Amino acid sequence: MDEARVKKLVRELIIEVGEDPTREGLRETPERIANMYKEIFGGYDSDSELSVQFSEDSDVVVARDIQFYSMCEHHMLPFYGKIHIAYSPNGRVFGISKLVRLVEKYAKRLQIQERLTKNIADELHSQGVKGVVVLADAEHLCMRMRGVRNDATLSSSAFRGIYENKDEKAGIMSLIRKHGSDLSV
């Protein structure tokens, strides 16, 4: 990303909306936005590190409530929520931090929720797991702030491998949607 160009464009946008870019509260805004864009759009250059795996077998691994923040490609407004991942390992498991990094890799892009869900499932499935399910639940500010101004949420899902089978879907969906147990001792 060309930081100087972003600053210039943001300054021009400030002028176009009718503001004074030299006003005290706006003077540093182009720089702040350029820095913010480097962070929130960092998924284009990131690696999920899924090659780091551990020899271990399990019937199914479920990671619930992975928080994500993304930007809608249609309006460049945020959408955010939680992603739930279940996969059936094939003798190798991923560390949970790798699953979080995978979510961030795709969330930190101009995106739509359905593609985000699909991209995560496809990359995990490409690592040789027997099956994977990705569910995403999100709130979209483009729905709340403009247009219909409604606080509806969106859920999307992607099934790969053994979980494409109708009989397998019901069981895994029940396991994913089950809230975590009380871990206090």
N, C-alpha and C. Protein backbone atom coordinates (compact mmCIF):
# COMPACT_ATOMS: atom_id res chain seq x y z
N MET A 1 0.85 -1.18 0.00
CA MET A 1 0.00 0.00 0.00
C MET A 1 0.90 1.24 0.00
N ASP A 2 0.57 2.18 -0.84
CA ASP A 2 1.31 3.44 -0.94
C ASP A 2 0.72 4.41 0.09
N GLU A 3 1.39 4.50 1.23
CA GLU A 3 0.90 5.30 2.35
C GLU A 3 0.72 6.78 1.99
N ALA A 4 1.66 7.34 1.26
CA ALA A 4 1.57 8.75 0.86
C ALA A 4 0.34 8.99 -0.02
N ARG A 5 0.09 8.07 -0.92
CA ARG A 5 -1.08 8.20 -1.80
C ARG A 5 -2.39 8.10 -1.00
N VAL A 6 -2.44 7.17 -0.05
CA VAL A 6 -3.64 7.04 0.78
C VAL A 6 -3.88 8.33 1.56
N LYS A 7 -2.83 8.89 2.14
CA LYS A 7 -2.98 10.15 2.88
C LYS A 7 -3.55 11.25 1.99
N LYS A 8 -3.02 11.33 0.78
CA LYS A 8 -3.48 12.36 -0.16
C LYS A 8 -4.96 12.14 -0.50
N LEU A 9 -5.34 10.91 -0.76
CA LEU A 9 -6.72 10.61 -1.10
C LEU A 9 -7.67 10.89 0.06
N VAL A 10 -7.26 10.56 1.27
CA VAL A 10 -8.09 10.83 2.44
C VAL A 10 -8.25 12.33 2.64
N ARG A 11 -7.18 13.07 2.46
CA ARG A 11 -7.26 14.53 2.56
C ARG A 11 -8.27 15.08 1.55
N GLU A 12 -8.22 14.56 0.32
CA GLU A 12 -9.17 14.99 -0.71
C GLU A 12 -10.60 14.62 -0.33
N LEU A 13 -10.78 13.46 0.26
CA LEU A 13 -12.12 13.03 0.69
C LEU A 13 -12.64 13.95 1.79
N ILE A 14 -11.79 14.32 2.72
CA ILE A 14 -12.19 15.25 3.78
C ILE A 14 -12.70 16.54 3.18
N ILE A 15 -12.02 17.05 2.17
CA ILE A 15 -12.45 18.27 1.49
C ILE A 15 -13.78 18.04 0.79
N GLU A 16 -13.93 16.90 0.12
CA GLU A 16 -15.15 16.60 -0.64
C GLU A 16 -16.39 16.50 0.23
N VAL A 17 -16.25 16.05 1.49
CA VAL A 17 -17.42 15.97 2.37
C VAL A 17 -17.74 17.31 3.01
N GLY A 18 -16.92 18.33 2.71
CA GLY A 18 -17.21 19.68 3.19
C GLY A 18 -16.45 20.09 4.44
N GLU A 19 -15.39 19.39 4.74
CA GLU A 19 -14.60 19.72 5.93
C GLU A 19 -13.28 20.39 5.55
N ASP A 20 -12.64 20.91 6.57
CA ASP A 20 -11.36 21.57 6.41
C ASP A 20 -10.27 20.63 6.93
N PRO A 21 -9.41 20.10 6.06
CA PRO A 21 -8.39 19.15 6.50
C PRO A 21 -7.29 19.79 7.37
N THR A 22 -7.30 21.13 7.47
CA THR A 22 -6.31 21.79 8.33
C THR A 22 -6.86 22.04 9.73
N ARG A 23 -8.16 21.73 9.93
CA ARG A 23 -8.76 21.90 11.25
C ARG A 23 -8.06 20.97 12.24
N GLU A 24 -7.89 21.42 13.48
CA GLU A 24 -7.12 20.69 14.48
C GLU A 24 -7.50 19.21 14.58
N GLY A 25 -8.76 18.90 14.64
CA GLY A 25 -9.20 17.51 14.80
C GLY A 25 -8.98 16.64 13.56
N LEU A 26 -8.75 17.27 12.41
CA LEU A 26 -8.59 16.52 11.16
C LEU A 26 -7.17 16.52 10.60
N ARG A 27 -6.29 17.33 11.17
CA ARG A 27 -4.93 17.45 10.62
C ARG A 27 -4.21 16.12 10.49
N GLU A 28 -4.32 15.28 11.48
CA GLU A 28 -3.61 14.01 11.48
C GLU A 28 -4.46 12.84 10.97
N THR A 29 -5.70 13.12 10.58
CA THR A 29 -6.61 12.05 10.14
C THR A 29 -6.09 11.28 8.92
N PRO A 30 -5.56 11.92 7.90
CA PRO A 30 -5.05 11.13 6.77
C PRO A 30 -3.97 10.13 7.19
N GLU A 31 -3.09 10.53 8.09
CA GLU A 31 -2.04 9.61 8.56
C GLU A 31 -2.65 8.47 9.38
N ARG A 32 -3.60 8.83 10.27
CA ARG A 32 -4.25 7.80 11.09
C ARG A 32 -4.97 6.78 10.23
N ILE A 33 -5.65 7.26 9.19
CA ILE A 33 -6.39 6.33 8.32
C ILE A 33 -5.43 5.47 7.51
N ALA A 34 -4.35 6.04 7.03
CA ALA A 34 -3.36 5.24 6.29
C ALA A 34 -2.81 4.13 7.19
N ASN A 35 -2.50 4.46 8.44
CA ASN A 35 -2.01 3.44 9.38
C ASN A 35 -3.07 2.40 9.67
N MET A 36 -4.31 2.84 9.83
CA MET A 36 -5.41 1.92 10.09
C MET A 36 -5.60 0.97 8.91
N TYR A 37 -5.54 1.49 7.70
CA TYR A 37 -5.74 0.64 6.52
C TYR A 37 -4.65 -0.43 6.41
N LYS A 38 -3.41 -0.08 6.78
CA LYS A 38 -2.34 -1.08 6.76
C LYS A 38 -2.70 -2.24 7.69
N GLU A 39 -3.30 -1.90 8.82
CA GLU A 39 -3.67 -2.93 9.80
C GLU A 39 -4.90 -3.72 9.37
N ILE A 40 -5.98 -3.02 9.04
CA ILE A 40 -7.23 -3.76 8.78
C ILE A 40 -7.27 -4.44 7.42
N PHE A 41 -6.38 -4.06 6.52
CA PHE A 41 -6.29 -4.75 5.23
C PHE A 41 -5.01 -5.56 5.12
N GLY A 42 -4.46 -5.96 6.26
CA GLY A 42 -3.22 -6.72 6.29
C GLY A 42 -3.34 -8.16 5.84
N GLY A 43 -4.55 -8.62 5.56
CA GLY A 43 -4.75 -10.01 5.15
C GLY A 43 -4.23 -10.35 3.77
N TYR A 44 -3.99 -9.33 2.96
CA TYR A 44 -3.49 -9.60 1.61
C TYR A 44 -2.05 -10.11 1.63
N ASP A 45 -1.32 -9.76 2.68
CA ASP A 45 0.09 -10.13 2.76
C ASP A 45 0.38 -11.13 3.87
N SER A 46 -0.65 -11.70 4.48
CA SER A 46 -0.40 -12.55 5.65
C SER A 46 -0.40 -14.03 5.28
N ASP A 47 0.18 -14.80 6.17
CA ASP A 47 0.24 -16.25 6.02
C ASP A 47 -0.44 -16.87 7.23
N SER A 48 -1.30 -17.83 7.01
CA SER A 48 -2.01 -18.46 8.12
C SER A 48 -1.17 -19.50 8.84
N GLU A 49 -0.04 -19.87 8.28
CA GLU A 49 0.88 -20.81 8.90
C GLU A 49 0.28 -22.18 9.16
N LEU A 50 -0.63 -22.62 8.32
CA LEU A 50 -1.25 -23.93 8.51
C LEU A 50 -0.29 -25.09 8.29
N SER A 51 0.89 -24.80 7.78
CA SER A 51 1.89 -25.86 7.61
C SER A 51 2.42 -26.34 8.96
N VAL A 52 2.19 -25.54 10.01
CA VAL A 52 2.59 -25.95 11.35
C VAL A 52 1.48 -26.83 11.92
N GLN A 53 1.75 -28.12 11.97
CA GLN A 53 0.78 -29.10 12.45
C GLN A 53 1.46 -30.04 13.43
N PHE A 54 0.65 -30.74 14.21
CA PHE A 54 1.16 -31.65 15.22
C PHE A 54 0.58 -33.04 15.01
N SER A 55 1.41 -34.06 15.18
CA SER A 55 0.96 -35.44 15.05
C SER A 55 0.03 -35.77 16.21
N GLU A 56 -1.21 -35.91 15.89
CA GLU A 56 -2.23 -36.24 16.88
C GLU A 56 -3.49 -36.55 16.09
N ASP A 57 -4.22 -37.51 16.54
CA ASP A 57 -5.47 -37.80 15.85
C ASP A 57 -6.63 -37.55 16.80
N SER A 58 -7.73 -37.20 16.24
CA SER A 58 -8.94 -36.92 16.99
C SER A 58 -10.09 -37.11 16.03
N ASP A 59 -11.26 -37.42 16.55
CA ASP A 59 -12.41 -37.56 15.67
C ASP A 59 -12.81 -36.21 15.08
N VAL A 60 -12.87 -35.21 15.95
CA VAL A 60 -13.25 -33.88 15.49
C VAL A 60 -12.64 -32.85 16.44
N VAL A 61 -12.26 -31.72 15.88
CA VAL A 61 -11.75 -30.59 16.64
C VAL A 61 -12.67 -29.41 16.34
N VAL A 62 -13.12 -28.72 17.40
CA VAL A 62 -14.03 -27.59 17.22
C VAL A 62 -13.42 -26.36 17.90
N ALA A 63 -13.28 -25.29 17.16
CA ALA A 63 -12.87 -23.99 17.70
C ALA A 63 -14.06 -23.06 17.55
N ARG A 64 -14.62 -22.64 18.66
CA ARG A 64 -15.80 -21.78 18.65
C ARG A 64 -15.42 -20.33 18.93
N ASP A 65 -16.26 -19.45 18.45
CA ASP A 65 -16.21 -18.03 18.83
C ASP A 65 -14.89 -17.34 18.51
N ILE A 66 -14.34 -17.60 17.34
CA ILE A 66 -13.16 -16.86 16.89
C ILE A 66 -13.66 -15.51 16.39
N GLN A 67 -13.31 -14.46 17.09
CA GLN A 67 -13.77 -13.13 16.72
C GLN A 67 -13.10 -12.67 15.43
N PHE A 68 -13.87 -11.94 14.62
CA PHE A 68 -13.28 -11.35 13.42
C PHE A 68 -13.91 -10.00 13.14
N TYR A 69 -13.16 -9.19 12.42
CA TYR A 69 -13.61 -7.88 11.94
C TYR A 69 -13.18 -7.80 10.49
N SER A 70 -14.10 -7.38 9.63
CA SER A 70 -13.79 -7.27 8.22
C SER A 70 -14.45 -6.03 7.65
N MET A 71 -14.18 -5.77 6.37
CA MET A 71 -14.76 -4.62 5.70
C MET A 71 -15.54 -5.08 4.48
N CYS A 72 -16.80 -4.70 4.43
CA CYS A 72 -17.67 -5.05 3.31
C CYS A 72 -17.12 -4.42 2.03
N GLU A 73 -16.98 -5.24 1.01
CA GLU A 73 -16.43 -4.73 -0.25
C GLU A 73 -17.42 -3.86 -1.01
N HIS A 74 -18.69 -3.92 -0.64
CA HIS A 74 -19.70 -3.12 -1.36
C HIS A 74 -19.77 -1.68 -0.86
N HIS A 75 -19.59 -1.48 0.46
CA HIS A 75 -19.74 -0.14 1.02
C HIS A 75 -18.53 0.31 1.83
N MET A 76 -17.54 -0.57 1.99
CA MET A 76 -16.36 -0.30 2.81
C MET A 76 -16.75 0.10 4.23
N LEU A 77 -17.75 -0.60 4.75
CA LEU A 77 -18.14 -0.45 6.15
C LEU A 77 -17.85 -1.78 6.85
N PRO A 78 -17.62 -1.74 8.16
CA PRO A 78 -17.28 -2.98 8.87
C PRO A 78 -18.42 -3.97 8.98
N PHE A 79 -18.04 -5.24 8.98
CA PHE A 79 -18.90 -6.30 9.49
C PHE A 79 -18.04 -7.13 10.42
N TYR A 80 -18.67 -7.67 11.44
CA TYR A 80 -17.90 -8.35 12.48
C TYR A 80 -18.75 -9.42 13.14
N GLY A 81 -18.08 -10.36 13.75
CA GLY A 81 -18.80 -11.41 14.42
C GLY A 81 -17.88 -12.51 14.90
N LYS A 82 -18.40 -13.74 14.82
CA LYS A 82 -17.65 -14.90 15.30
C LYS A 82 -17.70 -16.00 14.26
N ILE A 83 -16.59 -16.71 14.18
CA ILE A 83 -16.48 -17.85 13.27
C ILE A 83 -16.25 -19.08 14.11
N HIS A 84 -16.90 -20.16 13.72
CA HIS A 84 -16.78 -21.45 14.38
C HIS A 84 -16.23 -22.42 13.34
N ILE A 85 -15.18 -23.14 13.71
CA ILE A 85 -14.54 -24.08 12.79
C ILE A 85 -14.55 -25.47 13.42
N ALA A 86 -14.97 -26.45 12.65
CA ALA A 86 -14.85 -27.85 13.07
C ALA A 86 -14.15 -28.59 11.95
N TYR A 87 -13.22 -29.47 12.32
CA TYR A 87 -12.57 -30.28 11.30
C TYR A 87 -12.26 -31.66 11.86
N SER A 88 -12.20 -32.59 10.96
CA SER A 88 -11.84 -33.96 11.30
C SER A 88 -10.41 -34.18 10.81
N PRO A 89 -9.45 -34.25 11.74
CA PRO A 89 -8.04 -34.37 11.37
C PRO A 89 -7.75 -35.69 10.65
N ASN A 90 -6.65 -35.70 9.96
CA ASN A 90 -6.18 -36.91 9.29
C ASN A 90 -4.79 -37.25 9.86
N GLY A 91 -4.74 -37.38 11.20
CA GLY A 91 -3.48 -37.70 11.86
C GLY A 91 -2.66 -36.50 12.28
N ARG A 92 -3.09 -35.30 11.90
CA ARG A 92 -2.37 -34.06 12.22
C ARG A 92 -3.39 -33.02 12.66
N VAL A 93 -3.05 -32.24 13.68
CA VAL A 93 -3.93 -31.17 14.15
C VAL A 93 -3.21 -29.82 14.04
N PHE A 94 -4.01 -28.75 13.98
CA PHE A 94 -3.50 -27.39 13.92
C PHE A 94 -3.58 -26.78 15.32
N GLY A 95 -2.63 -25.92 15.67
CA GLY A 95 -2.76 -25.15 16.90
C GLY A 95 -3.88 -24.14 16.73
N ILE A 96 -4.57 -23.83 17.82
CA ILE A 96 -5.72 -22.92 17.73
C ILE A 96 -5.29 -21.55 17.21
N SER A 97 -4.07 -21.11 17.54
CA SER A 97 -3.62 -19.80 17.05
C SER A 97 -3.53 -19.80 15.52
N LYS A 98 -3.25 -20.95 14.92
CA LYS A 98 -3.18 -21.03 13.46
C LYS A 98 -4.57 -20.86 12.86
N LEU A 99 -5.59 -21.38 13.57
CA LEU A 99 -6.97 -21.19 13.08
C LEU A 99 -7.37 -19.73 13.18
N VAL A 100 -6.97 -19.07 14.26
CA VAL A 100 -7.25 -17.64 14.40
C VAL A 100 -6.55 -16.86 13.29
N ARG A 101 -5.29 -17.19 13.02
CA ARG A 101 -4.56 -16.49 11.95
C ARG A 101 -5.19 -16.73 10.58
N LEU A 102 -5.72 -17.92 10.38
CA LEU A 102 -6.40 -18.21 9.12
C LEU A 102 -7.63 -17.32 8.96
N VAL A 103 -8.40 -17.19 10.01
CA VAL A 103 -9.57 -16.30 9.97
C VAL A 103 -9.13 -14.87 9.68
N GLU A 104 -8.10 -14.40 10.36
CA GLU A 104 -7.62 -13.03 10.14
C GLU A 104 -7.10 -12.82 8.72
N LYS A 105 -6.44 -13.83 8.18
CA LYS A 105 -5.90 -13.71 6.82
C LYS A 105 -7.00 -13.31 5.83
N TYR A 106 -8.16 -13.93 5.95
CA TYR A 106 -9.23 -13.62 5.01
C TYR A 106 -10.14 -12.49 5.47
N ALA A 107 -10.26 -12.29 6.78
CA ALA A 107 -11.12 -11.21 7.27
C ALA A 107 -10.50 -9.84 7.00
N LYS A 108 -9.18 -9.76 7.00
CA LYS A 108 -8.51 -8.47 6.83
C LYS A 108 -8.32 -8.16 5.35
N ARG A 109 -9.43 -8.19 4.64
CA ARG A 109 -9.49 -7.86 3.21
C ARG A 109 -10.84 -7.24 2.93
N LEU A 110 -10.96 -6.55 1.80
CA LEU A 110 -12.30 -6.19 1.36
C LEU A 110 -12.99 -7.50 1.04
N GLN A 111 -14.18 -7.72 1.56
CA GLN A 111 -14.70 -9.08 1.61
C GLN A 111 -16.21 -9.08 1.69
N ILE A 112 -16.80 -10.21 1.38
CA ILE A 112 -18.19 -10.47 1.75
C ILE A 112 -18.16 -11.71 2.65
N GLN A 113 -19.13 -11.81 3.52
CA GLN A 113 -19.13 -12.87 4.52
C GLN A 113 -19.15 -14.26 3.90
N GLU A 114 -19.91 -14.42 2.85
CA GLU A 114 -20.02 -15.74 2.23
C GLU A 114 -18.67 -16.20 1.67
N ARG A 115 -17.92 -15.31 1.07
CA ARG A 115 -16.60 -15.66 0.54
C ARG A 115 -15.61 -15.92 1.67
N LEU A 116 -15.69 -15.12 2.73
CA LEU A 116 -14.84 -15.32 3.90
C LEU A 116 -15.00 -16.74 4.42
N THR A 117 -16.23 -17.17 4.57
CA THR A 117 -16.54 -18.51 5.07
C THR A 117 -15.97 -19.57 4.14
N LYS A 118 -16.19 -19.40 2.84
CA LYS A 118 -15.73 -20.35 1.83
C LYS A 118 -14.21 -20.42 1.79
N ASN A 119 -13.53 -19.26 1.82
CA ASN A 119 -12.06 -19.24 1.75
C ASN A 119 -11.42 -19.99 2.91
N ILE A 120 -11.95 -19.79 4.10
CA ILE A 120 -11.42 -20.47 5.28
C ILE A 120 -11.60 -21.98 5.14
N ALA A 121 -12.79 -22.42 4.74
CA ALA A 121 -13.06 -23.85 4.58
C ALA A 121 -12.16 -24.45 3.50
N ASP A 122 -12.02 -23.75 2.39
CA ASP A 122 -11.20 -24.27 1.29
C ASP A 122 -9.74 -24.43 1.70
N GLU A 123 -9.19 -23.43 2.41
CA GLU A 123 -7.78 -23.54 2.79
C GLU A 123 -7.57 -24.66 3.80
N LEU A 124 -8.46 -24.78 4.76
CA LEU A 124 -8.33 -25.88 5.73
C LEU A 124 -8.45 -27.23 5.03
N HIS A 125 -9.41 -27.36 4.14
CA HIS A 125 -9.62 -28.63 3.45
C HIS A 125 -8.41 -28.98 2.58
N SER A 126 -7.75 -27.97 2.04
CA SER A 126 -6.57 -28.22 1.19
C SER A 126 -5.40 -28.79 1.99
N GLN A 127 -5.48 -28.75 3.31
CA GLN A 127 -4.40 -29.26 4.16
C GLN A 127 -4.54 -30.75 4.45
N GLY A 128 -5.51 -31.41 3.83
CA GLY A 128 -5.63 -32.86 3.96
C GLY A 128 -6.52 -33.35 5.08
N VAL A 129 -7.29 -32.47 5.69
CA VAL A 129 -8.22 -32.94 6.72
C VAL A 129 -9.33 -33.75 6.05
N LYS A 130 -9.98 -34.61 6.83
CA LYS A 130 -11.05 -35.45 6.27
C LYS A 130 -12.29 -34.62 5.94
N GLY A 131 -12.52 -33.62 6.75
CA GLY A 131 -13.68 -32.76 6.53
C GLY A 131 -13.56 -31.49 7.35
N VAL A 132 -14.25 -30.46 6.92
CA VAL A 132 -14.23 -29.19 7.64
C VAL A 132 -15.59 -28.50 7.48
N VAL A 133 -15.98 -27.83 8.57
CA VAL A 133 -17.18 -26.99 8.56
C VAL A 133 -16.76 -25.63 9.11
N VAL A 134 -17.19 -24.58 8.43
CA VAL A 134 -16.96 -23.22 8.90
C VAL A 134 -18.32 -22.52 8.96
N LEU A 135 -18.63 -21.98 10.12
CA LEU A 135 -19.85 -21.19 10.29
C LEU A 135 -19.44 -19.78 10.69
N ALA A 136 -20.09 -18.79 10.11
CA ALA A 136 -19.81 -17.39 10.47
C ALA A 136 -21.12 -16.71 10.81
N ASP A 137 -21.13 -16.01 11.92
CA ASP A 137 -22.28 -15.20 12.35
C ASP A 137 -21.78 -13.77 12.46
N ALA A 138 -22.46 -12.84 11.78
CA ALA A 138 -21.93 -11.48 11.76
C ALA A 138 -23.02 -10.42 11.72
N GLU A 139 -22.63 -9.25 12.19
CA GLU A 139 -23.43 -8.03 12.09
C GLU A 139 -22.75 -7.14 11.05
N HIS A 140 -23.57 -6.50 10.24
CA HIS A 140 -23.06 -5.69 9.13
C HIS A 140 -23.49 -4.23 9.31
N LEU A 141 -22.50 -3.35 9.47
CA LEU A 141 -22.84 -1.93 9.64
C LEU A 141 -23.44 -1.31 8.39
N CYS A 142 -23.18 -1.90 7.22
CA CYS A 142 -23.82 -1.38 6.01
C CYS A 142 -25.34 -1.59 6.07
N MET A 143 -25.78 -2.58 6.84
CA MET A 143 -27.22 -2.80 7.04
C MET A 143 -27.76 -1.87 8.13
N ARG A 144 -26.96 -1.58 9.13
CA ARG A 144 -27.43 -0.78 10.26
C ARG A 144 -27.39 0.72 10.00
N MET A 145 -26.35 1.17 9.32
CA MET A 145 -26.13 2.60 9.19
C MET A 145 -26.77 3.24 7.97
N ARG A 146 -27.08 2.44 6.97
CA ARG A 146 -27.56 3.00 5.70
C ARG A 146 -28.61 2.05 5.12
N GLY A 147 -29.19 2.45 4.03
CA GLY A 147 -30.15 1.58 3.36
C GLY A 147 -31.34 1.23 4.24
N VAL A 148 -31.54 -0.04 4.49
CA VAL A 148 -32.72 -0.50 5.24
C VAL A 148 -32.63 -0.21 6.74
N ARG A 149 -31.46 0.11 7.24
CA ARG A 149 -31.25 0.44 8.66
C ARG A 149 -31.91 -0.59 9.57
N ASN A 150 -31.43 -1.80 9.44
CA ASN A 150 -31.97 -2.91 10.20
C ASN A 150 -30.82 -3.63 10.88
N ASP A 151 -31.07 -4.18 12.05
CA ASP A 151 -29.99 -4.85 12.78
C ASP A 151 -30.00 -6.37 12.60
N ALA A 152 -30.47 -6.82 11.46
CA ALA A 152 -30.44 -8.26 11.15
C ALA A 152 -29.00 -8.76 11.12
N THR A 153 -28.82 -10.00 11.49
CA THR A 153 -27.50 -10.62 11.41
C THR A 153 -27.51 -11.65 10.29
N LEU A 154 -26.32 -12.03 9.87
CA LEU A 154 -26.18 -12.99 8.78
C LEU A 154 -25.36 -14.18 9.27
N SER A 155 -25.82 -15.37 8.92
CA SER A 155 -25.05 -16.59 9.18
C SER A 155 -24.72 -17.21 7.83
N SER A 156 -23.50 -17.70 7.71
CA SER A 156 -23.09 -18.39 6.49
C SER A 156 -22.31 -19.64 6.89
N SER A 157 -22.30 -20.62 6.01
CA SER A 157 -21.61 -21.87 6.32
C SER A 157 -20.96 -22.44 5.07
N ALA A 158 -19.95 -23.26 5.31
CA ALA A 158 -19.28 -23.99 4.23
C ALA A 158 -18.93 -25.38 4.76
N PHE A 159 -19.22 -26.39 3.98
CA PHE A 159 -18.97 -27.78 4.34
C PHE A 159 -18.05 -28.39 3.29
N ARG A 160 -17.01 -29.07 3.74
CA ARG A 160 -16.08 -29.72 2.83
C ARG A 160 -15.82 -31.16 3.30
N GLY A 161 -15.44 -32.01 2.36
CA GLY A 161 -15.06 -33.39 2.69
C GLY A 161 -16.21 -34.19 3.26
N ILE A 162 -15.95 -34.94 4.32
CA ILE A 162 -16.97 -35.83 4.89
C ILE A 162 -18.20 -35.08 5.35
N TYR A 163 -18.08 -33.79 5.66
CA TYR A 163 -19.23 -33.03 6.15
C TYR A 163 -20.14 -32.53 5.04
N GLU A 164 -19.81 -32.86 3.81
CA GLU A 164 -20.74 -32.57 2.71
C GLU A 164 -21.87 -33.59 2.69
N ASN A 165 -21.68 -34.71 3.38
CA ASN A 165 -22.68 -35.76 3.49
C ASN A 165 -23.80 -35.29 4.43
N LYS A 166 -25.04 -35.40 3.98
CA LYS A 166 -26.20 -34.91 4.73
C LYS A 166 -26.27 -35.49 6.14
N ASP A 167 -25.96 -36.77 6.29
CA ASP A 167 -26.03 -37.42 7.59
C ASP A 167 -24.98 -36.88 8.56
N GLU A 168 -23.82 -36.52 8.03
CA GLU A 168 -22.74 -35.99 8.87
C GLU A 168 -23.01 -34.54 9.29
N LYS A 169 -23.73 -33.79 8.45
CA LYS A 169 -23.97 -32.36 8.72
C LYS A 169 -24.72 -32.14 10.03
N ALA A 170 -25.77 -32.90 10.27
CA ALA A 170 -26.61 -32.68 11.46
C ALA A 170 -25.81 -32.84 12.74
N GLY A 171 -25.01 -33.89 12.82
CA GLY A 171 -24.23 -34.13 14.03
C GLY A 171 -23.19 -33.06 14.27
N ILE A 172 -22.49 -32.68 13.23
CA ILE A 172 -21.43 -31.69 13.41
C ILE A 172 -22.02 -30.31 13.70
N MET A 173 -23.16 -29.99 13.09
CA MET A 173 -23.80 -28.70 13.37
C MET A 173 -24.23 -28.63 14.83
N SER A 174 -24.75 -29.71 15.36
CA SER A 174 -25.15 -29.76 16.76
C SER A 174 -23.94 -29.54 17.67
N LEU A 175 -22.83 -30.16 17.34
CA LEU A 175 -21.61 -30.03 18.13
C LEU A 175 -21.07 -28.61 18.07
N ILE A 176 -21.08 -28.00 16.91
CA ILE A 176 -20.56 -26.63 16.77
C ILE A 176 -21.45 -25.64 17.51
N ARG A 177 -22.75 -25.76 17.34
CA ARG A 177 -23.68 -24.80 17.93
C ARG A 177 -23.81 -24.95 19.44
N LYS A 178 -23.39 -26.08 20.00
CA LYS A 178 -23.45 -26.31 21.44
C LYS A 178 -22.52 -25.30 22.10
N HIS A 179 -23.03 -24.60 23.09
CA HIS A 179 -22.19 -23.64 23.80
C HIS A 179 -21.17 -24.36 24.64
N GLY A 180 -20.02 -23.74 24.81
CA GLY A 180 -18.94 -24.34 25.58
C GLY A 180 -19.35 -24.69 26.99
N SER A 181 -18.73 -25.71 27.52
CA SER A 181 -19.05 -26.13 28.88
C SER A 181 -18.39 -25.19 29.88
N ASP A 182 -18.85 -25.26 31.10
CA ASP A 182 -18.29 -24.45 32.17
C ASP A 182 -16.92 -25.02 32.53
N LEU A 183 -15.87 -24.26 32.28
CA LEU A 183 -14.52 -24.75 32.50
C LEU A 183 -13.97 -24.38 33.88
N SER A 184 -14.79 -23.74 34.70
CA SER A 184 -14.28 -23.37 36.02
C SER A 184 -14.10 -24.61 36.87
N VAL A 185 -13.10 -24.57 37.73
CA VAL A 185 -12.78 -25.75 38.55
C VAL A 185 -13.26 -25.52 39.96
